Amino acid sequence: MIVLNGKRSDMTPGETIVAALARLGLDADARGVAVAVDDEVVPRDVWASYALGEDARVEVLSAMQGG
């Protein structure tokens, strides 16, 4: 079971970080987006090839402007 932003997801092992972003409606090229898998930040340049494991915990953060 892959956990995406704290919620169980229907993602399957082997899907990529780019696929996780798409499920959240985010573009992998969007600025201000960071991804951590199992508490480790994953560099943007490997998102397309980073295959998620069966029990991966994925956290996607996006910067928001405001005040």
C-alpha atoms as a PDB file:
ATOM      1  CA  MET A   1       0.000   0.000   0.000  1.00  0.00           C
ATOM      2  CA  ILE A   2       1.410   3.373  -1.020  1.00  0.00           C
ATOM      3  CA  VAL A   3       0.532   6.335   1.194  1.00  0.00           C
ATOM      4  CA  LEU A   4       0.248   9.653  -0.646  1.00  0.00           C
ATOM      5  CA  ASN A   5       0.164  12.787   1.502  1.00  0.00           C
ATOM      6  CA  GLY A   6      -0.987  10.824   4.526  1.00  0.00           C
ATOM      7  CA  LYS A   7      -3.798   8.935   2.772  1.00  0.00           C
ATOM      8  CA  ARG A   8      -3.929   5.433   1.370  1.00  0.00           C
ATOM      9  CA  SER A   9      -3.802   5.555  -2.393  1.00  0.00           C
ATOM     10  CA  ASP A  10      -4.651   3.141  -5.170  1.00  0.00           C
ATOM     11  CA  MET A  11      -1.175   3.574  -6.646  1.00  0.00           C
ATOM     12  CA  THR A  12       0.643   0.362  -7.402  1.00  0.00           C
ATOM     13  CA  PRO A  13       4.294  -0.391  -6.671  1.00  0.00           C
ATOM     14  CA  GLY A  14       6.497   0.590  -9.569  1.00  0.00           C
ATOM     15  CA  GLU A  15       4.609   3.777 -10.405  1.00  0.00           C
ATOM     16  CA  THR A  16       6.774   6.881 -10.451  1.00  0.00           C
ATOM     17  CA  ILE A  17       6.788  10.123  -8.545  1.00  0.00           C
ATOM     18  CA  VAL A  18       5.552  11.830 -11.719  1.00  0.00           C
ATOM     19  CA  ALA A  19       2.489   9.555 -11.598  1.00  0.00           C
ATOM     20  CA  ALA A  20       1.922  10.498  -7.953  1.00  0.00           C
ATOM     21  CA  LEU A  21       2.064  14.179  -8.861  1.00  0.00           C
ATOM     22  CA  ALA A  22      -0.434  13.647 -11.668  1.00  0.00           C
ATOM     23  CA  ARG A  23      -2.863  12.036  -9.206  1.00  0.00           C
ATOM     24  CA  LEU A  24      -2.650  15.221  -7.161  1.00  0.00           C
ATOM     25  CA  GLY A  25      -3.223  17.397 -10.220  1.00  0.00           C
ATOM     26  CA  LEU A  26       0.329  18.722 -10.195  1.00  0.00           C
ATOM     27  CA  ASP A  27       2.695  19.037 -13.136  1.00  0.00           C
ATOM     28  CA  ALA A  28       6.180  17.651 -12.570  1.00  0.00           C
ATOM     29  CA  ASP A  29       7.580  20.855 -14.082  1.00  0.00           C
ATOM     30  CA  ALA A  30       5.703  23.116 -11.661  1.00  0.00           C
ATOM     31  CA  ARG A  31       7.881  25.426  -9.600  1.00  0.00           C
ATOM     32  CA  GLY A  32       7.797  25.275  -5.827  1.00  0.00           C
ATOM     33  CA  VAL A  33       7.082  21.537  -5.584  1.00  0.00           C
ATOM     34  CA  ALA A  34       9.117  19.177  -3.392  1.00  0.00           C
ATOM     35  CA  VAL A  35       8.736  15.432  -2.899  1.00  0.00           C
ATOM     36  CA  ALA A  36       9.891  13.183  -0.075  1.00  0.00           C
ATOM     37  CA  VAL A  37       9.654   9.389  -0.099  1.00  0.00           C
ATOM     38  CA  ASP A  38      10.009   7.650   3.253  1.00  0.00           C
ATOM     39  CA  ASP A  39      11.236  10.923   4.812  1.00  0.00           C
ATOM     40  CA  GLU A  40      13.989  11.459   2.227  1.00  0.00           C
ATOM     41  CA  VAL A  41      13.792  14.352  -0.248  1.00  0.00           C
ATOM     42  CA  VAL A  42      13.978  13.073  -3.823  1.00  0.00           C
ATOM     43  CA  PRO A  43      15.781  15.276  -6.371  1.00  0.00           C
ATOM     44  CA  ARG A  44      13.561  16.528  -9.175  1.00  0.00           C
ATOM     45  CA  ASP A  45      15.814  15.110 -11.887  1.00  0.00           C
ATOM     46  CA  VAL A  46      14.922  11.518 -10.892  1.00  0.00           C
ATOM     47  CA  TRP A  47      11.147  11.912 -10.407  1.00  0.00           C
ATOM     48  CA  ALA A  48      10.356  10.371 -13.807  1.00  0.00           C
ATOM     49  CA  SER A  49      12.429   7.262 -13.120  1.00  0.00           C
ATOM     50  CA  TYR A  50      11.962   6.848  -9.352  1.00  0.00           C
ATOM     51  CA  ALA A  51       9.790   3.746  -8.906  1.00  0.00           C
ATOM     52  CA  LEU A  52       7.809   3.699  -5.676  1.00  0.00           C
ATOM     53  CA  GLY A  53       8.064   0.644  -3.466  1.00  0.00           C
ATOM     54  CA  GLU A  54       5.163  -1.335  -2.046  1.00  0.00           C
ATOM     55  CA  ASP A  55       5.031   0.452   1.319  1.00  0.00           C
ATOM     56  CA  ALA A  56       6.254   3.874   0.197  1.00  0.00           C
ATOM     57  CA  ARG A  57       5.160   6.969   2.082  1.00  0.00           C
ATOM     58  CA  VAL A  58       5.103   9.879  -0.356  1.00  0.00           C
ATOM     59  CA  GLU A  59       4.754  13.488   0.759  1.00  0.00           C
ATOM     60  CA  VAL A  60       4.282  16.188  -1.862  1.00  0.00           C
ATOM     61  CA  LEU A  61       4.652  19.792  -0.789  1.00  0.00           C
ATOM     62  CA  SER A  62       3.960  22.863  -2.854  1.00  0.00           C
ATOM     63  CA  ALA A  63       4.870  26.417  -1.943  1.00  0.00           C
ATOM     64  CA  MET A  64       2.000  28.876  -1.759  1.00  0.00           C
ATOM     65  CA  GLN A  65       2.185  32.650  -1.825  1.00  0.00           C
ATOM     66  CA  GLY A  66       0.240  34.614   0.672  1.00  0.00           C
ATOM     67  CA  GLY A  67       0.535  36.526   3.809  1.00  0.00           C
END
